[in-house]
Amino acid sequence: MNKTADFSLLFVVFIWGVTFVMVQNALSFLDPFTFNAVRFFMAFVFLLIPYLFTLHKKGKNGSKCLFKAGFHIGVWLFLGYGLQTIGLNYTTPAKTGFITGLSVVMVPVFSLLLLKHRLSRNTIIGVAAATIGLYLMTFADRSNLNIGDLLVFLCAISFAMQIITTAKYAKTLPALPLTLIQVSTVSFLSFVSAFIFKENHSVIFSSEVMLQRDVWTALLVTAALATAFAFFAQTFFQAYTTPTRVALIFSMEPVFAALSSYILIGEKLTSASIIGCAFIFLGMIFAELPVKKKKPVTQGFS
């Protein structure tokens, strides 16, 4: 089951990395909250169908606990995707992928603050390396610094909290209804935000959007694969693998994002950005490496 979990989560990360470019193209026609509202509502429908066939099966901890847990995860997921989608309006897909990837490094940090888990030496070094990389990507060349980078950084914090809360509930609650609740929470909060920020979400029914193949391709792919399948797989398989392996697999997301950005739209990175990407990637990997335990020194008799 461990290998199946690892390969499934790797496929999820591949989907997330590739869809950065698709989402950015769709945002030329749809507002961020409107896009997320429709995307997660479509994912809710995709998940509702198999859920109805398994409705006779009772949850492990009761409906109240299940709803509370799903809503808790969904709020962090809403903040993560909301900030990320808005940030994509101001920064590039490759930078979005790498900065979002910092959530992998933040997980052990928040575990220390919230769960009182001690940080290993490798984790401290990894966080330091990733911080240097983020500086090189966003501050070394001031012309590259923009509000989008900050929004995506806040998005990384939200995703880190989503990983922690998912790990907290995944082993005790059924994956499908838990995913269904968190996805519906994101959709509802996105619709509400669209009204609050006066986004015209009804624009999706306009002839301009209805005829845009890129918009509907992005919505279908992100709803079916990058949302419904991806978060069900994450919720389900986090119960069968370790947090370290999950974090290590998730660190591949910025790599897939950069590669797809280069292949699909020919995005170029500056030398400082490339070095920064390398620092972030190495930091994410190094932070999750197991610490070698020192063997006790035994003294013999001469």
C-alpha atoms as a PDB file:
ATOM      1  CA  MET A   1       0.000   0.000   0.000  1.00  0.00           C
ATOM      2  CA  ASN A   2       2.916   2.364   0.686  1.00  0.00           C
ATOM      3  CA  LYS A   3       4.148   2.235  -2.919  1.00  0.00           C
ATOM      4  CA  THR A   4       0.622   2.721  -4.247  1.00  0.00           C
ATOM      5  CA  ALA A   5       0.217   5.719  -1.955  1.00  0.00           C
ATOM      6  CA  ASP A   6       3.532   7.230  -3.047  1.00  0.00           C
ATOM      7  CA  PHE A   7       2.867   6.856  -6.785  1.00  0.00           C
ATOM      8  CA  SER A   8      -0.708   8.126  -6.430  1.00  0.00           C
ATOM      9  CA  LEU A   9       0.430  11.217  -4.534  1.00  0.00           C
ATOM     10  CA  LEU A  10       3.198  11.791  -7.084  1.00  0.00           C
ATOM     11  CA  PHE A  11       0.588  11.762  -9.851  1.00  0.00           C
ATOM     12  CA  VAL A  12      -1.466  14.252  -7.834  1.00  0.00           C
ATOM     13  CA  VAL A  13       1.551  16.547  -7.551  1.00  0.00           C
ATOM     14  CA  PHE A  14       2.173  16.238 -11.300  1.00  0.00           C
ATOM     15  CA  ILE A  15      -1.415  17.349 -11.967  1.00  0.00           C
ATOM     16  CA  TRP A  16      -1.082  20.305  -9.617  1.00  0.00           C
ATOM     17  CA  GLY A  17       2.167  21.436 -11.209  1.00  0.00           C
ATOM     18  CA  VAL A  18       0.876  21.210 -14.788  1.00  0.00           C
ATOM     19  CA  THR A  19      -2.394  23.051 -14.107  1.00  0.00           C
ATOM     20  CA  PHE A  20      -0.704  26.330 -13.050  1.00  0.00           C
ATOM     21  CA  VAL A  21      -0.472  27.425 -16.687  1.00  0.00           C
ATOM     22  CA  MET A  22      -4.038  26.319 -17.443  1.00  0.00           C
ATOM     23  CA  VAL A  23      -5.424  28.269 -14.498  1.00  0.00           C
ATOM     24  CA  GLN A  24      -3.528  31.415 -15.472  1.00  0.00           C
ATOM     25  CA  ASN A  25      -4.974  31.244 -18.998  1.00  0.00           C
ATOM     26  CA  ALA A  26      -8.501  30.785 -17.655  1.00  0.00           C
ATOM     27  CA  LEU A  27      -8.121  33.811 -15.387  1.00  0.00           C
ATOM     28  CA  SER A  28      -8.020  35.992 -18.487  1.00  0.00           C
ATOM     29  CA  PHE A  29     -11.774  35.384 -18.713  1.00  0.00           C
ATOM     30  CA  LEU A  30     -12.912  34.556 -15.178  1.00  0.00           C
ATOM     31  CA  ASP A  31     -12.328  36.277 -11.837  1.00  0.00           C
ATOM     32  CA  PRO A  32     -10.334  34.256  -9.281  1.00  0.00           C
ATOM     33  CA  PHE A  33     -13.124  33.573  -6.776  1.00  0.00           C
ATOM     34  CA  THR A  34     -15.603  32.825  -9.550  1.00  0.00           C
ATOM     35  CA  PHE A  35     -13.183  30.338 -11.082  1.00  0.00           C
ATOM     36  CA  ASN A  36     -12.628  28.592  -7.736  1.00  0.00           C
ATOM     37  CA  ALA A  37     -16.357  28.579  -6.940  1.00  0.00           C
ATOM     38  CA  VAL A  38     -17.218  26.854 -10.222  1.00  0.00           C
ATOM     39  CA  ARG A  39     -14.180  24.561 -10.111  1.00  0.00           C
ATOM     40  CA  PHE A  40     -14.886  23.265  -6.610  1.00  0.00           C
ATOM     41  CA  PHE A  41     -18.632  23.007  -7.234  1.00  0.00           C
ATOM     42  CA  MET A  42     -17.927  20.811 -10.259  1.00  0.00           C
ATOM     43  CA  ALA A  43     -15.556  18.749  -8.102  1.00  0.00           C
ATOM     44  CA  PHE A  44     -18.335  18.450  -5.494  1.00  0.00           C
ATOM     45  CA  VAL A  45     -20.642  17.009  -8.151  1.00  0.00           C
ATOM     46  CA  PHE A  46     -17.956  14.560  -9.305  1.00  0.00           C
ATOM     47  CA  LEU A  47     -17.466  13.356  -5.712  1.00  0.00           C
ATOM     48  CA  LEU A  48     -21.171  13.299  -4.876  1.00  0.00           C
ATOM     49  CA  ILE A  49     -21.883  10.546  -7.411  1.00  0.00           C
ATOM     50  CA  PRO A  50     -19.670   7.859  -5.795  1.00  0.00           C
ATOM     51  CA  TYR A  51     -20.681   9.104  -2.341  1.00  0.00           C
ATOM     52  CA  LEU A  52     -24.347   8.407  -3.030  1.00  0.00           C
ATOM     53  CA  PHE A  53     -23.470   4.805  -3.882  1.00  0.00           C
ATOM     54  CA  THR A  54     -21.701   4.410  -0.521  1.00  0.00           C
ATOM     55  CA  LEU A  55     -24.215   6.370   1.540  1.00  0.00           C
ATOM     56  CA  HIS A  56     -25.240   3.254   3.476  1.00  0.00           C
ATOM     57  CA  LYS A  57     -21.786   3.080   5.050  1.00  0.00           C
ATOM     58  CA  LYS A  58     -21.565   4.979   8.313  1.00  0.00           C
ATOM     59  CA  GLY A  59     -18.690   7.331   9.138  1.00  0.00           C
ATOM     60  CA  LYS A  60     -16.162   6.359  11.731  1.00  0.00           C
ATOM     61  CA  ASN A  61     -16.763   9.256  14.122  1.00  0.00           C
ATOM     62  CA  GLY A  62     -20.260  10.507  13.433  1.00  0.00           C
ATOM     63  CA  SER A  63     -21.601  13.232  11.185  1.00  0.00           C
ATOM     64  CA  LYS A  64     -20.955  16.183  13.536  1.00  0.00           C
ATOM     65  CA  CYS A  65     -17.272  15.400  13.945  1.00  0.00           C
ATOM     66  CA  LEU A  66     -16.988  14.677  10.220  1.00  0.00           C
ATOM     67  CA  PHE A  67     -18.564  17.994   9.232  1.00  0.00           C
ATOM     68  CA  LYS A  68     -16.394  19.949  11.670  1.00  0.00           C
ATOM     69  CA  ALA A  69     -13.219  18.294  10.390  1.00  0.00           C
ATOM     70  CA  GLY A  70     -14.134  18.748   6.725  1.00  0.00           C
ATOM     71  CA  PHE A  71     -15.051  22.396   7.269  1.00  0.00           C
ATOM     72  CA  HIS A  72     -11.790  22.998   9.148  1.00  0.00           C
ATOM     73  CA  ILE A  73      -9.730  21.573   6.284  1.00  0.00           C
ATOM     74  CA  GLY A  74     -11.903  23.362   3.724  1.00  0.00           C
ATOM     75  CA  VAL A  75     -11.293  26.809   5.238  1.00  0.00           C
ATOM     76  CA  TRP A  76      -7.529  26.416   4.898  1.00  0.00           C
ATOM     77  CA  LEU A  77      -7.976  25.018   1.415  1.00  0.00           C
ATOM     78  CA  PHE A  78     -10.163  28.002   0.461  1.00  0.00           C
ATOM     79  CA  LEU A  79      -7.557  30.469   1.723  1.00  0.00           C
ATOM     80  CA  GLY A  80      -4.790  28.614  -0.087  1.00  0.00           C
ATOM     81  CA  TYR A  81      -6.502  28.477  -3.454  1.00  0.00           C
ATOM     82  CA  GLY A  82      -7.998  31.944  -3.163  1.00  0.00           C
ATOM     83  CA  LEU A  83      -4.636  33.550  -2.476  1.00  0.00           C
ATOM     84  CA  GLN A  84      -2.898  31.411  -5.086  1.00  0.00           C
ATOM     85  CA  THR A  85      -5.430  32.136  -7.826  1.00  0.00           C
ATOM     86  CA  ILE A  86      -5.314  35.885  -7.166  1.00  0.00           C
ATOM     87  CA  GLY A  87      -1.525  35.763  -6.999  1.00  0.00           C
ATOM     88  CA  LEU A  88      -1.378  34.136 -10.445  1.00  0.00           C
ATOM     89  CA  ASN A  89      -2.765  37.405 -11.831  1.00  0.00           C
ATOM     90  CA  TYR A  90       0.427  39.196 -10.791  1.00  0.00           C
ATOM     91  CA  THR A  91       3.219  36.618 -10.947  1.00  0.00           C
ATOM     92  CA  THR A  92       4.343  33.749 -13.179  1.00  0.00           C
ATOM     93  CA  PRO A  93       3.308  30.073 -13.027  1.00  0.00           C
ATOM     94  CA  ALA A  94       6.873  28.917 -12.334  1.00  0.00           C
ATOM     95  CA  LYS A  95       7.357  31.312  -9.409  1.00  0.00           C
ATOM     96  CA  THR A  96       3.920  30.373  -8.108  1.00  0.00           C
ATOM     97  CA  GLY A  97       4.896  26.715  -8.143  1.00  0.00           C
ATOM     98  CA  PHE A  98       8.149  27.224  -6.287  1.00  0.00           C
ATOM     99  CA  ILE A  99       6.776  29.616  -3.663  1.00  0.00           C
ATOM    100  CA  THR A 100       3.760  27.388  -3.068  1.00  0.00           C
ATOM    101  CA  GLY A 101       6.226  24.551  -2.562  1.00  0.00           C
ATOM    102  CA  LEU A 102       7.488  26.294   0.573  1.00  0.00           C
ATOM    103  CA  SER A 103       4.436  24.854   2.322  1.00  0.00           C
ATOM    104  CA  VAL A 104       6.356  21.570   2.424  1.00  0.00           C
ATOM    105  CA  VAL A 105       9.026  23.217   4.563  1.00  0.00           C
ATOM    106  CA  MET A 106       6.462  25.052   6.692  1.00  0.00           C
ATOM    107  CA  VAL A 107       4.753  21.823   7.764  1.00  0.00           C
ATOM    108  CA  PRO A 108       7.432  20.784  10.297  1.00  0.00           C
ATOM    109  CA  VAL A 109       7.723  24.395  11.500  1.00  0.00           C
ATOM    110  CA  PHE A 110       4.003  24.619  12.237  1.00  0.00           C
ATOM    111  CA  SER A 111       4.164  21.144  13.747  1.00  0.00           C
ATOM    112  CA  LEU A 112       6.678  22.542  16.244  1.00  0.00           C
ATOM    113  CA  LEU A 113       4.523  25.566  17.064  1.00  0.00           C
ATOM    114  CA  LEU A 114       1.121  23.866  17.107  1.00  0.00           C
ATOM    115  CA  LEU A 115       1.839  20.216  17.897  1.00  0.00           C
ATOM    116  CA  LYS A 116       5.046  20.711  19.896  1.00  0.00           C
ATOM    117  CA  HIS A 117       7.042  18.440  17.590  1.00  0.00           C
ATOM    118  CA  ARG A 118      10.776  19.039  17.816  1.00  0.00           C
ATOM    119  CA  LEU A 119      12.655  20.183  14.704  1.00  0.00           C
ATOM    120  CA  SER A 120      15.602  18.133  13.531  1.00  0.00           C
ATOM    121  CA  ARG A 121      18.882  19.665  12.418  1.00  0.00           C
ATOM    122  CA  ASN A 122      18.067  18.803   8.799  1.00  0.00           C
ATOM    123  CA  THR A 123      14.758  20.616   9.064  1.00  0.00           C
ATOM    124  CA  ILE A 124      16.418  23.777  10.354  1.00  0.00           C
ATOM    125  CA  ILE A 125      19.000  23.687   7.551  1.00  0.00           C
ATOM    126  CA  GLY A 126      16.251  23.020   4.993  1.00  0.00           C
ATOM    127  CA  VAL A 127      14.173  25.965   6.174  1.00  0.00           C
ATOM    128  CA  ALA A 128      17.233  28.225   6.010  1.00  0.00           C
ATOM    129  CA  ALA A 129      18.067  27.078   2.458  1.00  0.00           C
ATOM    130  CA  ALA A 130      14.489  27.549   1.287  1.00  0.00           C
ATOM    131  CA  THR A 131      14.394  31.036   2.803  1.00  0.00           C
ATOM    132  CA  ILE A 132      17.546  31.981   0.905  1.00  0.00           C
ATOM    133  CA  GLY A 133      16.006  30.625  -2.274  1.00  0.00           C
ATOM    134  CA  LEU A 134      12.839  32.637  -1.762  1.00  0.00           C
ATOM    135  CA  TYR A 135      14.953  35.766  -1.253  1.00  0.00           C
ATOM    136  CA  LEU A 136      16.856  35.154  -4.490  1.00  0.00           C
ATOM    137  CA  MET A 137      13.661  34.574  -6.455  1.00  0.00           C
ATOM    138  CA  THR A 138      11.748  37.590  -5.205  1.00  0.00           C
ATOM    139  CA  PHE A 139      14.179  40.142  -3.761  1.00  0.00           C
ATOM    140  CA  ALA A 140      17.486  39.768  -5.622  1.00  0.00           C
ATOM    141  CA  ASP A 141      15.960  41.394  -8.699  1.00  0.00           C
ATOM    142  CA  ARG A 142      13.610  44.081  -7.436  1.00  0.00           C
ATOM    143  CA  SER A 143      11.865  44.260 -10.792  1.00  0.00           C
ATOM    144  CA  ASN A 144      10.590  40.741 -10.114  1.00  0.00           C
ATOM    145  CA  LEU A 145       9.144  41.604  -6.715  1.00  0.00           C
ATOM    146  CA  ASN A 146       5.372  42.046  -6.787  1.00  0.00           C
ATOM    147  CA  ILE A 147       2.225  41.613  -4.746  1.00  0.00           C
ATOM    148  CA  GLY A 148       1.602  38.274  -6.405  1.00  0.00           C
ATOM    149  CA  ASP A 149       4.684  36.776  -4.733  1.00  0.00           C
ATOM    150  CA  LEU A 150       3.423  37.855  -1.301  1.00  0.00           C
ATOM    151  CA  LEU A 151      -0.061  36.479  -1.951  1.00  0.00           C
ATOM    152  CA  VAL A 152       1.358  33.131  -3.062  1.00  0.00           C
ATOM    153  CA  PHE A 153       3.577  33.050   0.039  1.00  0.00           C
ATOM    154  CA  LEU A 154       0.479  33.485   2.233  1.00  0.00           C
ATOM    155  CA  CYS A 155      -1.110  30.759   0.137  1.00  0.00           C
ATOM    156  CA  ALA A 156       1.809  28.462   1.035  1.00  0.00           C
ATOM    157  CA  ILE A 157       1.091  29.040   4.729  1.00  0.00           C
ATOM    158  CA  SER A 158      -2.547  28.088   4.180  1.00  0.00           C
ATOM    159  CA  PHE A 159      -1.610  24.925   2.300  1.00  0.00           C
ATOM    160  CA  ALA A 160       0.782  23.951   5.092  1.00  0.00           C
ATOM    161  CA  MET A 161      -2.083  24.209   7.563  1.00  0.00           C
ATOM    162  CA  GLN A 162      -4.271  22.164   5.220  1.00  0.00           C
ATOM    163  CA  ILE A 163      -1.668  19.373   5.191  1.00  0.00           C
ATOM    164  CA  ILE A 164      -1.470  19.395   8.990  1.00  0.00           C
ATOM    165  CA  THR A 165      -5.244  19.323   9.494  1.00  0.00           C
ATOM    166  CA  THR A 166      -5.647  16.592   6.863  1.00  0.00           C
ATOM    167  CA  ALA A 167      -3.038  14.453   8.635  1.00  0.00           C
ATOM    168  CA  LYS A 168      -4.898  15.042  11.904  1.00  0.00           C
ATOM    169  CA  TYR A 169      -8.225  13.689  10.638  1.00  0.00           C
ATOM    170  CA  ALA A 170      -7.304  11.301   7.781  1.00  0.00           C
ATOM    171  CA  LYS A 171      -6.615   8.270   9.983  1.00  0.00           C
ATOM    172  CA  THR A 172      -9.882   8.467  11.920  1.00  0.00           C
ATOM    173  CA  LEU A 173     -12.490   9.656   9.382  1.00  0.00           C
ATOM    174  CA  PRO A 174     -13.669   8.211   6.030  1.00  0.00           C
ATOM    175  CA  ALA A 175     -11.869   9.838   3.108  1.00  0.00           C
ATOM    176  CA  LEU A 176     -14.731  10.318   0.626  1.00  0.00           C
ATOM    177  CA  PRO A 177     -17.224  12.243   2.805  1.00  0.00           C
ATOM    178  CA  LEU A 178     -14.363  14.179   4.412  1.00  0.00           C
ATOM    179  CA  THR A 179     -13.173  15.270   0.962  1.00  0.00           C
ATOM    180  CA  LEU A 180     -16.739  16.029  -0.117  1.00  0.00           C
ATOM    181  CA  ILE A 181     -17.255  18.411   2.821  1.00  0.00           C
ATOM    182  CA  GLN A 182     -13.965  20.250   2.380  1.00  0.00           C
ATOM    183  CA  VAL A 183     -14.540  20.704  -1.363  1.00  0.00           C
ATOM    184  CA  SER A 184     -18.091  21.993  -0.835  1.00  0.00           C
ATOM    185  CA  THR A 185     -16.752  24.371   1.825  1.00  0.00           C
ATOM    186  CA  VAL A 186     -14.285  25.868  -0.646  1.00  0.00           C
ATOM    187  CA  SER A 187     -16.995  26.261  -3.279  1.00  0.00           C
ATOM    188  CA  PHE A 188     -19.410  27.952  -0.862  1.00  0.00           C
ATOM    189  CA  LEU A 189     -16.800  30.347   0.544  1.00  0.00           C
ATOM    190  CA  SER A 190     -15.648  31.202  -2.983  1.00  0.00           C
ATOM    191  CA  PHE A 191     -19.192  32.059  -4.066  1.00  0.00           C
ATOM    192  CA  VAL A 192     -19.623  34.250  -0.970  1.00  0.00           C
ATOM    193  CA  SER A 193     -16.280  35.963  -1.631  1.00  0.00           C
ATOM    194  CA  ALA A 194     -17.290  36.603  -5.235  1.00  0.00           C
ATOM    195  CA  PHE A 195     -20.321  38.546  -3.984  1.00  0.00           C
ATOM    196  CA  ILE A 196     -18.366  40.390  -1.283  1.00  0.00           C
ATOM    197  CA  PHE A 197     -15.654  41.486  -3.692  1.00  0.00           C
ATOM    198  CA  LYS A 198     -18.296  42.215  -6.329  1.00  0.00           C
ATOM    199  CA  GLU A 199     -16.980  39.723  -8.836  1.00  0.00           C
ATOM    200  CA  ASN A 200     -19.445  39.020 -11.610  1.00  0.00           C
ATOM    201  CA  HIS A 201     -19.471  35.215 -11.416  1.00  0.00           C
ATOM    202  CA  SER A 202     -22.435  35.114 -13.804  1.00  0.00           C
ATOM    203  CA  VAL A 203     -19.960  36.063 -16.529  1.00  0.00           C
ATOM    204  CA  ILE A 204     -19.317  32.336 -16.982  1.00  0.00           C
ATOM    205  CA  PHE A 205     -22.618  32.139 -18.849  1.00  0.00           C
ATOM    206  CA  SER A 206     -21.692  34.938 -21.257  1.00  0.00           C
ATOM    207  CA  SER A 207     -21.074  34.077 -24.890  1.00  0.00           C
ATOM    208  CA  GLU A 208     -17.442  35.211 -24.619  1.00  0.00           C
ATOM    209  CA  VAL A 209     -16.657  32.655 -21.923  1.00  0.00           C
ATOM    210  CA  MET A 210     -18.946  29.915 -23.237  1.00  0.00           C
ATOM    211  CA  LEU A 211     -16.986  29.853 -26.492  1.00  0.00           C
ATOM    212  CA  GLN A 212     -13.555  29.763 -24.839  1.00  0.00           C
ATOM    213  CA  ARG A 213     -12.242  26.211 -24.991  1.00  0.00           C
ATOM    214  CA  ASP A 214      -9.304  27.050 -22.688  1.00  0.00           C
ATOM    215  CA  VAL A 215     -11.654  28.125 -19.896  1.00  0.00           C
ATOM    216  CA  TRP A 216     -13.751  24.960 -19.969  1.00  0.00           C
ATOM    217  CA  THR A 217     -10.692  22.761 -20.380  1.00  0.00           C
ATOM    218  CA  ALA A 218      -9.137  24.367 -17.309  1.00  0.00           C
ATOM    219  CA  LEU A 219     -12.359  24.009 -15.311  1.00  0.00           C
ATOM    220  CA  LEU A 220     -12.901  20.359 -16.241  1.00  0.00           C
ATOM    221  CA  VAL A 221      -9.292  19.294 -15.708  1.00  0.00           C
ATOM    222  CA  THR A 222      -8.862  21.153 -12.433  1.00  0.00           C
ATOM    223  CA  ALA A 223     -12.280  20.077 -11.137  1.00  0.00           C
ATOM    224  CA  ALA A 224     -12.019  16.382 -12.031  1.00  0.00           C
ATOM    225  CA  LEU A 225      -8.299  15.687 -11.644  1.00  0.00           C
ATOM    226  CA  ALA A 226      -6.675  18.541  -9.682  1.00  0.00           C
ATOM    227  CA  THR A 227      -9.539  18.807  -7.167  1.00  0.00           C
ATOM    228  CA  ALA A 228     -11.916  15.834  -6.876  1.00  0.00           C
ATOM    229  CA  PHE A 229      -9.370  13.082  -7.536  1.00  0.00           C
ATOM    230  CA  ALA A 230      -6.388  14.928  -6.049  1.00  0.00           C
ATOM    231  CA  PHE A 231      -7.871  15.769  -2.664  1.00  0.00           C
ATOM    232  CA  PHE A 232      -9.610  12.433  -2.305  1.00  0.00           C
ATOM    233  CA  ALA A 233      -6.263  10.731  -3.001  1.00  0.00           C
ATOM    234  CA  GLN A 234      -4.458  13.001  -0.544  1.00  0.00           C
ATOM    235  CA  THR A 235      -7.041  12.437   2.185  1.00  0.00           C
ATOM    236  CA  PHE A 236      -7.137   8.680   1.592  1.00  0.00           C
ATOM    237  CA  PHE A 237      -3.425   7.944   1.195  1.00  0.00           C
ATOM    238  CA  GLN A 238      -2.183  10.179   4.022  1.00  0.00           C
ATOM    239  CA  ALA A 239      -3.538   7.464   6.288  1.00  0.00           C
ATOM    240  CA  TYR A 240      -1.175   4.892   4.713  1.00  0.00           C
ATOM    241  CA  THR A 241       2.104   6.766   4.442  1.00  0.00           C
ATOM    242  CA  THR A 242       4.251   8.915   6.663  1.00  0.00           C
ATOM    243  CA  PRO A 243       4.146  12.733   6.771  1.00  0.00           C
ATOM    244  CA  THR A 244       7.813  12.809   5.741  1.00  0.00           C
ATOM    245  CA  ARG A 245       7.145  10.872   2.550  1.00  0.00           C
ATOM    246  CA  VAL A 246       4.104  12.993   1.735  1.00  0.00           C
ATOM    247  CA  ALA A 247       6.134  16.183   2.185  1.00  0.00           C
ATOM    248  CA  LEU A 248       8.978  14.798   0.086  1.00  0.00           C
ATOM    249  CA  ILE A 249       6.589  13.880  -2.748  1.00  0.00           C
ATOM    250  CA  PHE A 250       4.859  17.266  -2.577  1.00  0.00           C
ATOM    251  CA  SER A 251       8.228  18.965  -3.018  1.00  0.00           C
ATOM    252  CA  MET A 252       8.117  17.844  -6.663  1.00  0.00           C
ATOM    253  CA  GLU A 253       5.223  20.221  -7.423  1.00  0.00           C
ATOM    254  CA  PRO A 254       7.391  23.279  -8.198  1.00  0.00           C
ATOM    255  CA  VAL A 255       9.575  21.151 -10.470  1.00  0.00           C
ATOM    256  CA  PHE A 256       6.555  20.070 -12.512  1.00  0.00           C
ATOM    257  CA  ALA A 257       5.271  23.656 -12.524  1.00  0.00           C
ATOM    258  CA  ALA A 258       8.554  25.043 -13.866  1.00  0.00           C
ATOM    259  CA  LEU A 259       8.885  22.330 -16.519  1.00  0.00           C
ATOM    260  CA  SER A 260       5.314  22.748 -17.754  1.00  0.00           C
ATOM    261  CA  SER A 261       5.701  26.526 -17.760  1.00  0.00           C
ATOM    262  CA  TYR A 262       8.849  26.230 -19.877  1.00  0.00           C
ATOM    263  CA  ILE A 263       7.315  23.702 -22.297  1.00  0.00           C
ATOM    264  CA  LEU A 264       3.875  25.288 -22.688  1.00  0.00           C
ATOM    265  CA  ILE A 265       4.579  29.016 -22.642  1.00  0.00           C
ATOM    266  CA  GLY A 266       8.364  29.206 -22.945  1.00  0.00           C
ATOM    267  CA  GLU A 267       8.844  31.005 -19.630  1.00  0.00           C
ATOM    268  CA  LYS A 268      12.447  31.963 -18.900  1.00  0.00           C
ATOM    269  CA  LEU A 269      13.990  32.323 -15.462  1.00  0.00           C
ATOM    270  CA  THR A 270      16.802  34.709 -14.551  1.00  0.00           C
ATOM    271  CA  SER A 271      20.067  33.367 -13.130  1.00  0.00           C
ATOM    272  CA  ALA A 272      19.091  34.525  -9.637  1.00  0.00           C
ATOM    273  CA  SER A 273      15.697  32.860  -9.992  1.00  0.00           C
ATOM    274  CA  ILE A 274      17.253  29.580 -11.145  1.00  0.00           C
ATOM    275  CA  ILE A 275      19.661  29.596  -8.187  1.00  0.00           C
ATOM    276  CA  GLY A 276      16.764  30.506  -5.920  1.00  0.00           C
ATOM    277  CA  CYS A 277      14.701  27.628  -7.289  1.00  0.00           C
ATOM    278  CA  ALA A 278      17.591  25.269  -6.619  1.00  0.00           C
ATOM    279  CA  PHE A 279      17.906  26.492  -3.024  1.00  0.00           C
ATOM    280  CA  ILE A 280      14.179  26.077  -2.432  1.00  0.00           C
ATOM    281  CA  PHE A 281      14.144  22.608  -3.967  1.00  0.00           C
ATOM    282  CA  LEU A 282      17.199  21.479  -1.982  1.00  0.00           C
ATOM    283  CA  GLY A 283      15.765  23.035   1.153  1.00  0.00           C
ATOM    284  CA  MET A 284      12.483  21.167   0.757  1.00  0.00           C
ATOM    285  CA  ILE A 285      14.323  17.882   0.157  1.00  0.00           C
ATOM    286  CA  PHE A 286      16.898  18.387   2.914  1.00  0.00           C
ATOM    287  CA  ALA A 287      14.257  19.325   5.486  1.00  0.00           C
ATOM    288  CA  GLU A 288      12.645  15.903   5.139  1.00  0.00           C
ATOM    289  CA  LEU A 289      15.788  13.750   5.195  1.00  0.00           C
ATOM    290  CA  PRO A 290      15.969  11.478   8.239  1.00  0.00           C
ATOM    291  CA  VAL A 291      18.605  12.374  10.800  1.00  0.00           C
ATOM    292  CA  LYS A 292      21.221   9.713  11.321  1.00  0.00           C
ATOM    293  CA  LYS A 293      21.371   8.609  14.897  1.00  0.00           C
ATOM    294  CA  LYS A 294      24.791   8.517  16.451  1.00  0.00           C
ATOM    295  CA  LYS A 295      25.859   5.079  17.504  1.00  0.00           C
ATOM    296  CA  PRO A 296      26.762   4.849  21.184  1.00  0.00           C
ATOM    297  CA  VAL A 297      30.465   4.653  21.783  1.00  0.00           C
ATOM    298  CA  THR A 298      31.416   1.473  23.589  1.00  0.00           C
ATOM    299  CA  GLN A 299      34.624   1.323  25.530  1.00  0.00           C
ATOM    300  CA  GLY A 300      36.508  -1.932  25.567  1.00  0.00           C
ATOM    301  CA  PHE A 301      39.034  -3.268  28.029  1.00  0.00           C
ATOM    302  CA  SER A 302      42.659  -3.178  27.054  1.00  0.00           C
END
